[in-house]
Amino acid sequence: MVRTVDLAIYADTVAGEHAALAARLEQAHARLREAAIERDARAHLAADAVRELESLGILGGIDERTARSEIHRLSRALDAVEQLQSWIESRLELSAA
């Protein structure tokens, strides 16, 4: 038998994991948005300016394929954590009844 207090503590831990995953997912989305901005900038800047910006690491540091893969992986993980949170909440409701 799982005690309510143990479930509540576990719920807090899982909520922290959810928040961390959600933040990482938003960062991955932001990287994709930045990649789109970089693509547009490359199309409108002189080639020598693009080379200079690349040498400084200002342009070109985002791998869109990796970011998309990370978004997919993090979305699946977030979904799984949300399912776990739902299960924990149902157990907490049962223990409160």
Protein backbone atom coordinates (compact mmCIF):
# COMPACT_ATOMS: atom_id res chain seq x y z
CA MET A 1 0.00 0.00 0.00
CA VAL A 2 1.39 3.36 -1.06
CA ARG A 3 0.95 6.18 1.41
CA THR A 4 -0.66 9.41 0.25
CA VAL A 5 2.31 11.44 1.41
CA ASP A 6 4.63 9.27 -0.70
CA LEU A 7 2.41 9.78 -3.74
CA ALA A 8 2.38 13.53 -3.14
CA ILE A 9 6.17 13.67 -2.87
CA TYR A 10 6.49 11.60 -6.03
CA ALA A 11 3.98 13.90 -7.78
CA ASP A 12 6.22 16.87 -6.92
CA THR A 13 9.26 15.08 -8.32
CA VAL A 14 7.45 14.21 -11.53
CA ALA A 15 6.16 17.79 -11.82
CA GLY A 16 9.76 18.98 -11.70
CA GLU A 17 10.69 16.57 -14.47
CA HIS A 18 7.73 17.81 -16.51
CA ALA A 19 8.84 21.41 -16.12
CA ALA A 20 12.40 20.56 -17.14
CA LEU A 21 11.24 18.65 -20.22
CA ALA A 22 8.85 21.44 -21.20
CA ALA A 23 11.69 23.98 -20.95
CA ARG A 24 13.99 21.81 -23.06
CA LEU A 25 11.22 21.40 -25.65
CA GLU A 26 10.74 25.17 -25.85
CA GLN A 27 14.51 25.62 -26.27
CA ALA A 28 14.51 23.15 -29.17
CA HIS A 29 11.63 25.03 -30.80
CA ALA A 30 13.57 28.28 -30.31
CA ARG A 31 16.60 26.74 -32.06
CA LEU A 32 14.42 25.93 -35.06
CA ARG A 33 13.10 29.49 -35.14
CA GLU A 34 16.68 30.79 -34.96
CA ALA A 35 17.69 28.50 -37.83
CA ALA A 36 14.91 29.99 -39.96
CA ILE A 37 16.15 33.49 -39.14
CA GLU A 38 19.71 32.45 -40.06
CA ARG A 39 18.51 31.02 -43.39
CA ASP A 40 16.77 34.27 -44.19
CA ALA A 41 19.81 36.32 -43.15
CA ARG A 42 22.10 34.22 -45.35
CA ALA A 43 19.84 34.89 -48.33
CA HIS A 44 20.03 38.64 -47.80
CA LEU A 45 23.60 39.26 -46.64
CA ALA A 46 26.74 39.49 -48.73
CA ALA A 47 28.75 36.25 -48.95
CA ASP A 48 31.75 37.80 -47.18
CA ALA A 49 29.54 38.91 -44.28
CA VAL A 50 28.07 35.40 -44.00
CA ARG A 51 31.57 33.88 -43.95
CA GLU A 52 32.65 36.33 -41.26
CA LEU A 53 29.57 35.60 -39.14
CA GLU A 54 30.16 31.86 -39.56
CA SER A 55 33.81 32.22 -38.50
CA LEU A 56 32.60 34.00 -35.35
CA GLY A 57 30.09 31.24 -34.67
CA ILE A 58 27.18 33.65 -34.99
CA LEU A 59 25.70 31.85 -38.00
CA GLY A 60 25.63 28.15 -38.68
CA GLY A 61 25.58 26.65 -35.24
CA ILE A 62 22.13 25.09 -35.48
CA ASP A 63 21.55 21.63 -36.92
CA GLU A 64 17.88 21.64 -37.89
CA ARG A 65 17.68 17.86 -38.27
CA THR A 66 19.01 17.37 -34.74
CA ALA A 67 16.64 20.02 -33.37
CA ARG A 68 13.65 18.37 -35.06
CA SER A 69 14.70 14.97 -33.73
CA GLU A 70 15.05 16.42 -30.24
CA ILE A 71 11.60 18.02 -30.50
CA HIS A 72 10.11 14.67 -31.45
CA ARG A 73 11.91 12.84 -28.62
CA LEU A 74 11.05 15.47 -26.02
CA SER A 75 7.40 15.57 -27.13
CA ARG A 76 7.14 11.80 -26.63
CA ALA A 77 8.83 12.06 -23.24
CA LEU A 78 6.55 14.89 -22.18
CA ASP A 79 3.51 12.85 -23.21
CA ALA A 80 4.74 9.90 -21.15
CA VAL A 81 5.34 12.11 -18.11
CA GLU A 82 1.86 13.60 -18.49
CA GLN A 83 0.39 10.10 -18.52
CA LEU A 84 2.32 9.32 -15.34
CA GLN A 85 1.08 12.54 -13.74
CA SER A 86 -2.48 11.63 -14.63
CA TRP A 87 -2.06 8.21 -13.06
CA ILE A 88 -0.57 9.72 -9.89
CA GLU A 89 -3.43 12.21 -9.66
CA SER A 90 -5.98 9.42 -9.95
CA ARG A 91 -4.22 7.49 -7.18
CA LEU A 92 -4.17 10.61 -5.00
CA GLU A 93 -7.91 11.08 -5.57
CA LEU A 94 -8.56 7.47 -4.62
CA SER A 95 -6.50 7.74 -1.47
CA ALA A 96 -8.33 10.94 -0.48
CA ALA A 97 -11.74 9.30 -0.83
